[in-house]
PDB file of all heavy atoms in Angstrom:
ATOM      1  N   ASP A   1     183.387  49.580  62.526  1.00  0.00           N
ATOM      2  CA  ASP A   1     182.383  49.242  63.435  1.00  0.00           C
ATOM      3  C   ASP A   1     182.307  50.123  64.691  1.00  0.00           C
ATOM      4  O   ASP A   1     181.611  49.965  65.679  1.00  0.00           O
ATOM      5  CB  ASP A   1     182.478  47.798  63.891  1.00  0.00           C
ATOM      6  CG  ASP A   1     183.797  47.498  64.526  1.00  0.00           C
ATOM      7  OD1 ASP A   1     184.788  48.276  64.363  1.00  0.00           O
ATOM      8  OD2 ASP A   1     183.915  46.343  65.202  1.00  0.00           O
ATOM      9  N   LEU A   2     183.139  51.304  64.656  1.00  0.00           N
ATOM     10  CA  LEU A   2     183.183  52.199  65.838  1.00  0.00           C
ATOM     11  C   LEU A   2     181.813  52.936  65.947  1.00  0.00           C
ATOM     12  O   LEU A   2     181.313  53.541  64.979  1.00  0.00           O
ATOM     13  CB  LEU A   2     184.297  53.126  65.700  1.00  0.00           C
ATOM     14  CG  LEU A   2     184.395  54.226  66.762  1.00  0.00           C
ATOM     15  CD1 LEU A   2     184.733  53.481  68.146  1.00  0.00           C
ATOM     16  CD2 LEU A   2     185.478  55.290  66.416  1.00  0.00           C
ATOM     17  N   VAL A   3     181.270  52.895  67.147  1.00  0.00           N
ATOM     18  CA  VAL A   3     180.038  53.634  67.374  1.00  0.00           C
ATOM     19  C   VAL A   3     180.438  54.736  68.482  1.00  0.00           C
ATOM     20  O   VAL A   3     181.009  54.421  69.537  1.00  0.00           O
ATOM     21  CB  VAL A   3     178.939  52.727  68.004  1.00  0.00           C
ATOM     22  CG1 VAL A   3     177.714  53.620  68.434  1.00  0.00           C
ATOM     23  CG2 VAL A   3     178.533  51.691  66.923  1.00  0.00           C
ATOM     24  N   PHE A   4     180.161  55.928  68.124  1.00  0.00           N
ATOM     25  CA  PHE A   4     180.593  57.016  69.030  1.00  0.00           C
ATOM     26  C   PHE A   4     179.539  57.194  70.101  1.00  0.00           C
ATOM     27  O   PHE A   4     178.325  57.107  69.843  1.00  0.00           O
ATOM     28  CB  PHE A   4     180.664  58.440  68.343  1.00  0.00           C
ATOM     29  CG  PHE A   4     181.990  58.517  67.628  1.00  0.00           C
ATOM     30  CD1 PHE A   4     182.059  58.265  66.233  1.00  0.00           C
ATOM     31  CD2 PHE A   4     183.070  58.950  68.288  1.00  0.00           C
ATOM     32  CE1 PHE A   4     183.245  58.458  65.559  1.00  0.00           C
ATOM     33  CE2 PHE A   4     184.290  59.123  67.649  1.00  0.00           C
ATOM     34  CZ  PHE A   4     184.419  58.837  66.266  1.00  0.00           C
ATOM     35  N   PRO A   5     179.961  57.255  71.390  1.00  0.00           N
ATOM     36  CA  PRO A   5     178.926  57.369  72.480  1.00  0.00           C
ATOM     37  C   PRO A   5     178.331  58.804  72.409  1.00  0.00           C
ATOM     38  O   PRO A   5     178.768  59.673  71.597  1.00  0.00           O
ATOM     39  CB  PRO A   5     179.802  57.244  73.710  1.00  0.00           C
ATOM     40  CG  PRO A   5     181.196  57.440  73.327  1.00  0.00           C
ATOM     41  CD  PRO A   5     181.332  57.215  71.844  1.00  0.00           C
ATOM     42  N   VAL A   6     177.348  58.976  73.272  1.00  0.00           N
ATOM     43  CA  VAL A   6     176.609  60.211  73.392  1.00  0.00           C
ATOM     44  C   VAL A   6     176.182  60.835  72.058  1.00  0.00           C
ATOM     45  O   VAL A   6     176.290  62.093  71.841  1.00  0.00           O
ATOM     46  CB  VAL A   6     177.323  61.239  74.309  1.00  0.00           C
ATOM     47  CG1 VAL A   6     177.477  60.741  75.686  1.00  0.00           C
ATOM     48  CG2 VAL A   6     178.698  61.717  73.798  1.00  0.00           C
ATOM     49  N   ALA A   7     175.665  59.923  71.161  1.00  0.00           N
ATOM     50  CA  ALA A   7     175.059  60.342  69.924  1.00  0.00           C
ATOM     51  C   ALA A   7     176.049  61.126  69.000  1.00  0.00           C
ATOM     52  O   ALA A   7     175.694  61.899  68.121  1.00  0.00           O
ATOM     53  CB  ALA A   7     173.835  61.203  70.074  1.00  0.00           C
ATOM     54  N   GLY A   8     177.397  60.921  69.167  1.00  0.00           N
ATOM     55  CA  GLY A   8     178.396  61.459  68.379  1.00  0.00           C
ATOM     56  C   GLY A   8     178.701  62.950  68.664  1.00  0.00           C
ATOM     57  O   GLY A   8     179.449  63.616  67.965  1.00  0.00           O
ATOM     58  N   ASN A   9     178.131  63.489  69.721  1.00  0.00           N
ATOM     59  CA  ASN A   9     178.407  64.823  70.164  1.00  0.00           C
ATOM     60  C   ASN A   9     179.876  64.972  70.649  1.00  0.00           C
ATOM     61  O   ASN A   9     180.426  63.947  71.115  1.00  0.00           O
ATOM     62  CB  ASN A   9     177.456  65.304  71.308  1.00  0.00           C
ATOM     63  CG  ASN A   9     176.080  65.518  70.792  1.00  0.00           C
ATOM     64  OD1 ASN A   9     175.793  66.092  69.746  1.00  0.00           O
ATOM     65  ND2 ASN A   9     175.082  65.028  71.483  1.00  0.00           N
ATOM     66  N   ASP A  10     180.437  66.150  70.685  1.00  0.00           N
ATOM     67  CA  ASP A  10     181.683  66.383  71.300  1.00  0.00           C
ATOM     68  C   ASP A  10     181.555  66.118  72.791  1.00  0.00           C
ATOM     69  O   ASP A  10     180.477  66.410  73.406  1.00  0.00           O
ATOM     70  CB  ASP A  10     182.203  67.905  71.135  1.00  0.00           C
ATOM     71  CG  ASP A  10     182.629  68.084  69.708  1.00  0.00           C
ATOM     72  OD1 ASP A  10     182.784  67.170  68.916  1.00  0.00           O
ATOM     73  OD2 ASP A  10     182.974  69.369  69.442  1.00  0.00           O
ATOM     74  N   TRP A  11     182.637  65.674  73.372  1.00  0.00           N
ATOM     75  CA  TRP A  11     182.578  65.437  74.928  1.00  0.00           C
ATOM     76  C   TRP A  11     183.973  65.585  75.495  1.00  0.00           C
ATOM     77  O   TRP A  11     184.965  65.533  74.812  1.00  0.00           O
ATOM     78  CB  TRP A  11     181.972  64.036  75.179  1.00  0.00           C
ATOM     79  CG  TRP A  11     182.435  62.893  74.355  1.00  0.00           C
ATOM     80  CD1 TRP A  11     181.862  62.371  73.199  1.00  0.00           C
ATOM     81  CD2 TRP A  11     183.551  62.057  74.575  1.00  0.00           C
ATOM     82  NE1 TRP A  11     182.590  61.374  72.810  1.00  0.00           N
ATOM     83  CE2 TRP A  11     183.665  61.141  73.551  1.00  0.00           C
ATOM     84  CE3 TRP A  11     184.623  62.001  75.541  1.00  0.00           C
ATOM     85  CZ2 TRP A  11     184.602  60.162  73.439  1.00  0.00           C
ATOM     86  CZ3 TRP A  11     185.581  61.087  75.417  1.00  0.00           C
ATOM     87  CH2 TRP A  11     185.582  60.149  74.372  1.00  0.00           C
ATOM     88  N   TRP A  12     183.904  65.845  76.802  1.00  0.00           N
ATOM     89  CA  TRP A  12     185.046  66.063  77.586  1.00  0.00           C
ATOM     90  C   TRP A  12     185.051  65.205  78.817  1.00  0.00           C
ATOM     91  O   TRP A  12     184.098  65.140  79.480  1.00  0.00           O
ATOM     92  CB  TRP A  12     185.198  67.534  77.977  1.00  0.00           C
ATOM     93  CG  TRP A  12     185.290  68.480  76.787  1.00  0.00           C
ATOM     94  CD1 TRP A  12     186.424  68.992  76.229  1.00  0.00           C
ATOM     95  CD2 TRP A  12     184.230  68.913  76.063  1.00  0.00           C
ATOM     96  NE1 TRP A  12     186.105  69.788  75.193  1.00  0.00           N
ATOM     97  CE2 TRP A  12     184.774  69.816  75.037  1.00  0.00           C
ATOM     98  CE3 TRP A  12     182.830  68.844  76.150  1.00  0.00           C
ATOM     99  CZ2 TRP A  12     183.938  70.463  74.153  1.00  0.00           C
ATOM    100  CZ3 TRP A  12     181.940  69.546  75.240  1.00  0.00           C
ATOM    101  CH2 TRP A  12     182.671  70.304  74.256  1.00  0.00           C
ATOM    102  N   LEU A  13     186.111  64.397  79.031  1.00  0.00           N
ATOM    103  CA  LEU A  13     186.184  63.586  80.174  1.00  0.00           C
ATOM    104  C   LEU A  13     187.074  64.191  81.291  1.00  0.00           C
ATOM    105  O   LEU A  13     188.098  64.871  80.922  1.00  0.00           O
ATOM    106  CB  LEU A  13     186.972  62.282  79.873  1.00  0.00           C
ATOM    107  CG  LEU A  13     186.081  61.212  79.193  1.00  0.00           C
ATOM    108  CD1 LEU A  13     187.036  60.054  78.737  1.00  0.00           C
ATOM    109  CD2 LEU A  13     185.110  60.640  80.214  1.00  0.00           C
ATOM    110  N   PHE A  14     186.604  64.202  82.471  1.00  0.00           N
ATOM    111  CA  PHE A  14     187.381  64.746  83.693  1.00  0.00           C
ATOM    112  C   PHE A  14     187.733  63.610  84.575  1.00  0.00           C
ATOM    113  O   PHE A  14     186.830  62.990  85.180  1.00  0.00           O
ATOM    114  CB  PHE A  14     186.580  65.836  84.294  1.00  0.00           C
ATOM    115  CG  PHE A  14     186.244  67.002  83.435  1.00  0.00           C
ATOM    116  CD1 PHE A  14     185.063  66.983  82.729  1.00  0.00           C
ATOM    117  CD2 PHE A  14     187.167  68.047  83.237  1.00  0.00           C
ATOM    118  CE1 PHE A  14     184.757  68.017  81.926  1.00  0.00           C
ATOM    119  CE2 PHE A  14     186.877  69.093  82.355  1.00  0.00           C
ATOM    120  CZ  PHE A  14     185.630  69.092  81.672  1.00  0.00           C
ATOM    121  N   ASP A  15     189.092  63.270  84.709  1.00  0.00           N
ATOM    122  CA  ASP A  15     189.498  62.212  85.563  1.00  0.00           C
ATOM    123  C   ASP A  15     188.841  60.940  85.415  1.00  0.00           C
ATOM    124  O   ASP A  15     188.709  60.059  86.300  1.00  0.00           O
ATOM    125  CB  ASP A  15     189.461  62.659  87.075  1.00  0.00           C
ATOM    126  CG  ASP A  15     190.243  63.947  87.364  1.00  0.00           C
ATOM    127  OD1 ASP A  15     191.276  64.047  86.754  1.00  0.00           O
ATOM    128  OD2 ASP A  15     189.786  64.698  88.230  1.00  0.00           O
ATOM    129  N   ASP A  16     188.314  60.628  84.153  1.00  0.00           N
ATOM    130  CA  ASP A  16     187.673  59.394  83.828  1.00  0.00           C
ATOM    131  C   ASP A  16     186.499  59.090  84.701  1.00  0.00           C
ATOM    132  O   ASP A  16     186.055  57.946  84.858  1.00  0.00           O
ATOM    133  CB  ASP A  16     188.639  58.251  83.819  1.00  0.00           C
ATOM    134  CG  ASP A  16     189.647  58.282  82.709  1.00  0.00           C
ATOM    135  OD1 ASP A  16     189.525  59.252  81.857  1.00  0.00           O
ATOM    136  OD2 ASP A  16     190.497  57.432  82.572  1.00  0.00           O
ATOM    137  N   LYS A  17     185.885  60.147  85.315  1.00  0.00           N
ATOM    138  CA  LYS A  17     184.762  59.967  86.185  1.00  0.00           C
ATOM    139  C   LYS A  17     183.574  60.857  85.890  1.00  0.00           C
ATOM    140  O   LYS A  17     182.476  60.564  86.241  1.00  0.00           O
ATOM    141  CB  LYS A  17     185.176  60.214  87.678  1.00  0.00           C
ATOM    142  CG  LYS A  17     186.180  59.206  88.151  1.00  0.00           C
ATOM    143  CD  LYS A  17     186.620  59.584  89.552  1.00  0.00           C
ATOM    144  CE  LYS A  17     187.638  58.575  90.009  1.00  0.00           C
ATOM    145  NZ  LYS A  17     188.695  59.046  90.827  1.00  0.00           N
ATOM    146  N   LEU A  18     183.846  62.030  85.293  1.00  0.00           N
ATOM    147  CA  LEU A  18     182.848  62.968  84.909  1.00  0.00           C
ATOM    148  C   LEU A  18     182.885  63.266  83.443  1.00  0.00           C
ATOM    149  O   LEU A  18     184.025  63.437  82.919  1.00  0.00           O
ATOM    150  CB  LEU A  18     183.082  64.221  85.801  1.00  0.00           C
ATOM    151  CG  LEU A  18     182.032  65.254  85.784  1.00  0.00           C
ATOM    152  CD1 LEU A  18     180.651  64.722  86.407  1.00  0.00           C
ATOM    153  CD2 LEU A  18     182.392  66.513  86.513  1.00  0.00           C
ATOM    154  N   LEU A  19     181.757  63.407  82.821  1.00  0.00           N
ATOM    155  CA  LEU A  19     181.597  63.580  81.404  1.00  0.00           C
ATOM    156  C   LEU A  19     180.847  64.921  81.111  1.00  0.00           C
ATOM    157  O   LEU A  19     179.731  65.031  81.717  1.00  0.00           O
ATOM    158  CB  LEU A  19     181.068  62.392  80.746  1.00  0.00           C
ATOM    159  CG  LEU A  19     180.802  62.518  79.222  1.00  0.00           C
ATOM    160  CD1 LEU A  19     182.176  62.348  78.542  1.00  0.00           C
ATOM    161  CD2 LEU A  19     179.915  61.324  78.861  1.00  0.00           C
ATOM    162  N   ALA A  20     181.322  65.720  80.299  1.00  0.00           N
ATOM    163  CA  ALA A  20     180.562  66.880  79.775  1.00  0.00           C
ATOM    164  C   ALA A  20     180.312  66.705  78.302  1.00  0.00           C
ATOM    165  O   ALA A  20     181.217  66.453  77.546  1.00  0.00           O
ATOM    166  CB  ALA A  20     181.253  68.216  80.025  1.00  0.00           C
ATOM    167  N   VAL A  21     179.028  66.721  77.938  1.00  0.00           N
ATOM    168  CA  VAL A  21     178.707  66.531  76.524  1.00  0.00           C
ATOM    169  C   VAL A  21     178.248  67.859  75.910  1.00  0.00           C
ATOM    170  O   VAL A  21     177.343  68.513  76.436  1.00  0.00           O
ATOM    171  CB  VAL A  21     177.480  65.514  76.488  1.00  0.00           C
ATOM    172  CG1 VAL A  21     177.021  65.279  74.993  1.00  0.00           C
ATOM    173  CG2 VAL A  21     177.853  64.202  77.082  1.00  0.00           C
ATOM    174  N   GLY A  22     178.936  68.231  74.842  1.00  0.00           N
ATOM    175  CA  GLY A  22     178.582  69.472  74.250  1.00  0.00           C
ATOM    176  C   GLY A  22     177.487  69.409  73.278  1.00  0.00           C
ATOM    177  O   GLY A  22     177.270  68.440  72.606  1.00  0.00           O
ATOM    178  N   HIS A  23     176.638  70.489  73.226  1.00  0.00           N
ATOM    179  CA  HIS A  23     175.493  70.558  72.329  1.00  0.00           C
ATOM    180  C   HIS A  23     175.735  71.884  71.485  1.00  0.00           C
ATOM    181  O   HIS A  23     175.949  72.932  72.032  1.00  0.00           O
ATOM    182  CB  HIS A  23     174.243  70.493  73.112  1.00  0.00           C
ATOM    183  CG  HIS A  23     173.992  69.277  73.859  1.00  0.00           C
ATOM    184  ND1 HIS A  23     173.656  68.095  73.143  1.00  0.00           N
ATOM    185  CD2 HIS A  23     174.179  68.931  75.102  1.00  0.00           C
ATOM    186  CE1 HIS A  23     173.509  67.157  74.063  1.00  0.00           C
ATOM    187  NE2 HIS A  23     173.846  67.639  75.247  1.00  0.00           N
ATOM    188  N   PHE A  24     175.469  71.717  70.192  1.00  0.00           N
ATOM    189  CA  PHE A  24     175.656  72.780  69.265  1.00  0.00           C
ATOM    190  C   PHE A  24     174.450  72.883  68.337  1.00  0.00           C
ATOM    191  O   PHE A  24     173.814  71.786  68.047  1.00  0.00           O
ATOM    192  CB  PHE A  24     176.975  72.577  68.408  1.00  0.00           C
ATOM    193  CG  PHE A  24     178.154  72.385  69.172  1.00  0.00           C
ATOM    194  CD1 PHE A  24     178.524  71.176  69.671  1.00  0.00           C
ATOM    195  CD2 PHE A  24     178.978  73.514  69.516  1.00  0.00           C
ATOM    196  CE1 PHE A  24     179.644  71.041  70.469  1.00  0.00           C
ATOM    197  CE2 PHE A  24     180.130  73.445  70.292  1.00  0.00           C
ATOM    198  CZ  PHE A  24     180.543  72.162  70.790  1.00  0.00           C
ATOM    199  N   ASP A  25     174.146  74.031  67.762  1.00  0.00           N
ATOM    200  CA  ASP A  25     173.093  74.070  66.730  1.00  0.00           C
ATOM    201  C   ASP A  25     173.738  73.813  65.373  1.00  0.00           C
ATOM    202  O   ASP A  25     174.868  73.547  65.254  1.00  0.00           O
ATOM    203  CB  ASP A  25     172.383  75.448  66.825  1.00  0.00           C
ATOM    204  CG  ASP A  25     173.166  76.674  66.331  1.00  0.00           C
ATOM    205  OD1 ASP A  25     174.334  76.457  65.708  1.00  0.00           O
ATOM    206  OD2 ASP A  25     172.725  77.851  66.545  1.00  0.00           O
ATOM    207  N   ASP A  26     172.933  73.878  64.404  1.00  0.00           N
ATOM    208  CA  ASP A  26     173.348  73.504  63.071  1.00  0.00           C
ATOM    209  C   ASP A  26     174.487  74.413  62.514  1.00  0.00           C
ATOM    210  O   ASP A  26     175.113  74.044  61.593  1.00  0.00           O
ATOM    211  CB  ASP A  26     172.136  73.446  62.057  1.00  0.00           C
ATOM    212  CG  ASP A  26     171.153  72.397  62.385  1.00  0.00           C
ATOM    213  OD1 ASP A  26     171.613  71.340  63.021  1.00  0.00           O
ATOM    214  OD2 ASP A  26     170.039  72.404  61.970  1.00  0.00           O
ATOM    215  N   THR A  27     174.576  75.590  63.042  1.00  0.00           N
ATOM    216  CA  THR A  27     175.582  76.543  62.539  1.00  0.00           C
ATOM    217  C   THR A  27     176.871  76.415  63.347  1.00  0.00           C
ATOM    218  O   THR A  27     177.796  77.110  63.195  1.00  0.00           O
ATOM    219  CB  THR A  27     175.103  78.027  62.667  1.00  0.00           C
ATOM    220  OG1 THR A  27     174.923  78.397  64.030  1.00  0.00           O
ATOM    221  CG2 THR A  27     173.852  78.182  61.857  1.00  0.00           C
ATOM    222  N   GLY A  28     176.872  75.555  64.449  1.00  0.00           N
ATOM    223  CA  GLY A  28     178.101  75.333  65.259  1.00  0.00           C
ATOM    224  C   GLY A  28     178.138  76.204  66.521  1.00  0.00           C
ATOM    225  O   GLY A  28     179.037  76.175  67.195  1.00  0.00           O
ATOM    226  N   ARG A  29     177.024  77.001  66.743  1.00  0.00           N
ATOM    227  CA  ARG A  29     176.992  77.820  67.926  1.00  0.00           C
ATOM    228  C   ARG A  29     176.716  76.968  69.128  1.00  0.00           C
ATOM    229  O   ARG A  29     175.880  76.005  69.125  1.00  0.00           O
ATOM    230  CB  ARG A  29     175.789  78.777  67.850  1.00  0.00           C
ATOM    231  CG  ARG A  29     175.681  79.787  68.863  1.00  0.00           C
ATOM    232  CD  ARG A  29     174.653  80.870  68.609  1.00  0.00           C
ATOM    233  NE  ARG A  29     173.330  80.321  68.444  1.00  0.00           N
ATOM    234  CZ  ARG A  29     172.351  80.061  69.354  1.00  0.00           C
ATOM    235  NH1 ARG A  29     172.607  80.375  70.588  1.00  0.00           N
ATOM    236  NH2 ARG A  29     171.265  79.539  69.036  1.00  0.00           N
ATOM    237  N   VAL A  30     177.496  77.209  70.217  1.00  0.00           N
ATOM    238  CA  VAL A  30     177.423  76.365  71.417  1.00  0.00           C
ATOM    239  C   VAL A  30     176.036  76.664  72.078  1.00  0.00           C
ATOM    240  O   VAL A  30     175.647  77.824  72.365  1.00  0.00           O
ATOM    241  CB  VAL A  30     178.575  76.761  72.392  1.00  0.00           C
ATOM    242  CG1 VAL A  30     178.396  76.005  73.729  1.00  0.00           C
ATOM    243  CG2 VAL A  30     179.926  76.495  71.723  1.00  0.00           C
TER     244      VAL A  30
END
């Protein structure tokens, strides 16, 4: 039943206060 936040994109947490969500194209290019 796990639902990944931010549409399943990769993400990085900073000090549990700031979030960076990565976006990639279909080939994995950032």
